[in-house]
Amino acid sequence: MKPAASSSRRANWLSWLLLLLSVAGFAAIWVLVSLYTEGQQSWMAALGALDVAWMLRLGGWRPGSIRAGLALIGTGLIVVLANWGITASHLGAALGLQPWESALKLGSQHAWTLAQLANGPADVAWIVLALVLAALTAR
């Protein structure tokens, strides 16, 4: 009985790792697409929600409110990390810093102000749609 218990612990650990890689990887892709096209590209939030829901299913999370909640949290983290990265990259370019240097120096209040200026009503609609999509597809 011991091997089954240790393998379920390993799957749980790998499930968390898969979720973390999904969030960080998709946020990085969104930042790159945004920098390449020189726009916010908030429609990527909906794709991120689908990616998180898919990774939760692949990770073996049981259907239900916990998986839907994790999808909401994961999608929210994607949105925050991507907006932080986009803001830091644009600000860093203006100041002669690398994006990762600018991301470490960027304060939360300054990032919030710049994100509010960059995201319009359509961007907010895409983000809300992504959160709803995450909750529905991950159930």
Protein backbone atom coordinates (compact mmCIF):
# COMPACT_ATOMS: atom_id res chain seq x y z
CA MET A 1 0.00 0.00 0.00
CA LYS A 2 2.94 2.34 0.52
CA PRO A 3 3.85 2.69 -3.19
CA ALA A 4 0.34 3.84 -4.09
CA ALA A 5 0.43 6.55 -1.42
CA SER A 6 3.81 7.85 -2.56
CA SER A 7 2.77 7.85 -6.22
CA SER A 8 -0.35 9.89 -5.42
CA ARG A 9 1.85 12.38 -3.55
CA ARG A 10 4.14 12.58 -6.57
CA ALA A 11 1.18 13.19 -8.91
CA ASN A 12 -0.07 15.97 -6.64
CA TRP A 13 3.36 17.61 -6.63
CA LEU A 14 3.57 17.31 -10.42
CA SER A 15 0.05 18.68 -10.75
CA TRP A 16 1.07 21.85 -8.91
CA LEU A 17 4.21 22.12 -11.04
CA LEU A 18 2.18 21.74 -14.23
CA LEU A 19 -0.16 24.51 -13.11
CA LEU A 20 2.76 26.80 -12.23
CA LEU A 21 4.45 26.17 -15.59
CA SER A 22 1.19 26.82 -17.39
CA VAL A 23 0.68 30.19 -15.69
CA ALA A 24 4.28 31.38 -16.05
CA GLY A 25 4.69 30.07 -19.59
CA PHE A 26 1.50 31.55 -20.91
CA ALA A 27 2.19 34.92 -19.28
CA ALA A 28 5.59 34.96 -21.01
CA ILE A 29 4.00 34.12 -24.36
CA TRP A 30 1.43 36.90 -23.90
CA VAL A 31 4.19 39.41 -23.13
CA LEU A 32 6.12 38.38 -26.25
CA VAL A 33 3.04 38.61 -28.48
CA SER A 34 2.20 42.00 -27.01
CA LEU A 35 5.71 43.35 -27.54
CA TYR A 36 5.88 42.01 -31.07
CA THR A 37 2.53 43.50 -32.09
CA GLU A 38 2.90 46.65 -29.96
CA GLY A 39 -0.55 46.30 -28.36
CA GLN A 40 -2.13 44.89 -25.21
CA GLN A 41 -3.63 41.83 -26.94
CA SER A 42 -6.04 41.13 -24.08
CA TRP A 43 -7.76 38.42 -26.11
CA MET A 44 -4.81 36.28 -25.00
CA ALA A 45 -6.45 36.11 -21.57
CA ALA A 46 -9.16 33.86 -23.00
CA LEU A 47 -6.55 31.53 -24.47
CA GLY A 48 -4.74 31.55 -21.13
CA ALA A 49 -7.95 30.51 -19.37
CA LEU A 50 -8.34 27.57 -21.73
CA ASP A 51 -4.70 26.64 -21.23
CA VAL A 52 -5.02 26.65 -17.44
CA ALA A 53 -8.21 24.57 -17.57
CA TRP A 54 -6.52 22.07 -19.86
CA MET A 55 -3.45 21.82 -17.64
CA LEU A 56 -5.63 21.26 -14.58
CA ARG A 57 -7.32 18.38 -16.37
CA LEU A 58 -3.98 16.95 -17.49
CA GLY A 59 -2.66 17.32 -13.95
CA GLY A 60 -5.36 15.01 -12.65
CA TRP A 61 -7.33 17.55 -10.62
CA ARG A 62 -10.80 16.27 -9.82
CA PRO A 63 -13.73 18.17 -11.35
CA GLY A 64 -15.52 20.55 -9.05
CA SER A 65 -15.29 23.86 -7.31
CA ILE A 66 -11.62 23.44 -6.33
CA ARG A 67 -10.55 22.97 -9.93
CA ALA A 68 -12.74 25.89 -11.04
CA GLY A 69 -11.25 28.07 -8.28
CA LEU A 70 -7.72 27.12 -9.26
CA ALA A 71 -8.55 27.99 -12.87
CA LEU A 72 -9.81 31.41 -11.76
CA ILE A 73 -6.68 32.02 -9.69
CA GLY A 74 -4.40 30.78 -12.46
CA THR A 75 -6.08 32.95 -15.08
CA GLY A 76 -5.93 35.96 -12.77
CA LEU A 77 -2.22 35.35 -12.23
CA ILE A 78 -1.67 35.14 -15.98
CA VAL A 79 -3.40 38.50 -16.44
CA VAL A 80 -1.41 40.15 -13.63
CA LEU A 81 1.95 38.70 -14.69
CA ALA A 82 1.40 39.53 -18.36
CA ASN A 83 0.35 43.11 -17.64
CA TRP A 84 3.29 43.50 -15.27
CA GLY A 85 5.67 42.16 -17.94
CA ILE A 86 4.23 44.33 -20.70
CA THR A 87 4.41 47.43 -18.52
CA ALA A 88 7.93 46.64 -17.34
CA SER A 89 9.13 45.96 -20.89
CA HIS A 90 7.81 49.23 -22.28
CA LEU A 91 9.03 51.23 -19.32
CA GLY A 92 12.40 49.48 -19.34
CA ALA A 93 12.88 50.22 -23.03
CA ALA A 94 12.29 53.92 -22.38
CA LEU A 95 14.77 53.92 -19.50
CA GLY A 96 17.43 51.75 -21.14
CA LEU A 97 16.83 48.74 -18.88
CA GLN A 98 16.33 45.10 -19.71
CA PRO A 99 12.73 43.90 -19.15
CA TRP A 100 13.66 41.76 -16.13
CA GLU A 101 15.58 44.67 -14.56
CA SER A 102 12.62 46.95 -15.05
CA ALA A 103 10.20 44.32 -13.69
CA LEU A 104 12.17 44.11 -10.45
CA LYS A 105 12.26 47.89 -10.03
CA LEU A 106 8.64 48.54 -10.99
CA GLY A 107 6.48 49.38 -7.99
CA SER A 108 2.95 48.07 -7.60
CA GLN A 109 1.34 51.54 -7.54
CA HIS A 110 3.17 52.62 -10.69
CA ALA A 111 2.33 49.33 -12.44
CA TRP A 112 -1.35 49.67 -11.46
CA THR A 113 -1.51 53.23 -12.85
CA LEU A 114 0.14 52.26 -16.13
CA ALA A 115 -2.04 49.14 -16.49
CA GLN A 116 -5.16 51.28 -16.02
CA LEU A 117 -3.96 53.62 -18.75
CA ALA A 118 -3.11 50.78 -21.13
CA ASN A 119 -6.27 48.68 -20.67
CA GLY A 120 -9.49 50.08 -22.10
CA PRO A 121 -13.05 48.79 -21.82
CA ALA A 122 -12.51 46.14 -24.49
CA ASP A 123 -9.47 44.83 -22.62
CA VAL A 124 -11.43 44.63 -19.39
CA ALA A 125 -14.21 42.77 -21.23
CA TRP A 126 -11.70 40.21 -22.53
CA ILE A 127 -10.31 39.69 -19.03
CA VAL A 128 -13.78 39.22 -17.51
CA LEU A 129 -14.68 36.82 -20.34
CA ALA A 130 -11.47 34.90 -19.64
CA LEU A 131 -12.31 34.54 -15.94
CA VAL A 132 -15.80 33.25 -16.75
CA LEU A 133 -14.36 30.91 -19.36
CA ALA A 134 -11.81 29.58 -16.87
CA ALA A 135 -14.49 28.80 -14.30
CA LEU A 136 -16.79 27.13 -16.80
CA THR A 137 -14.23 25.02 -18.65
CA ALA A 138 -12.44 23.82 -15.54
CA ARG A 139 -15.54 22.55 -13.73
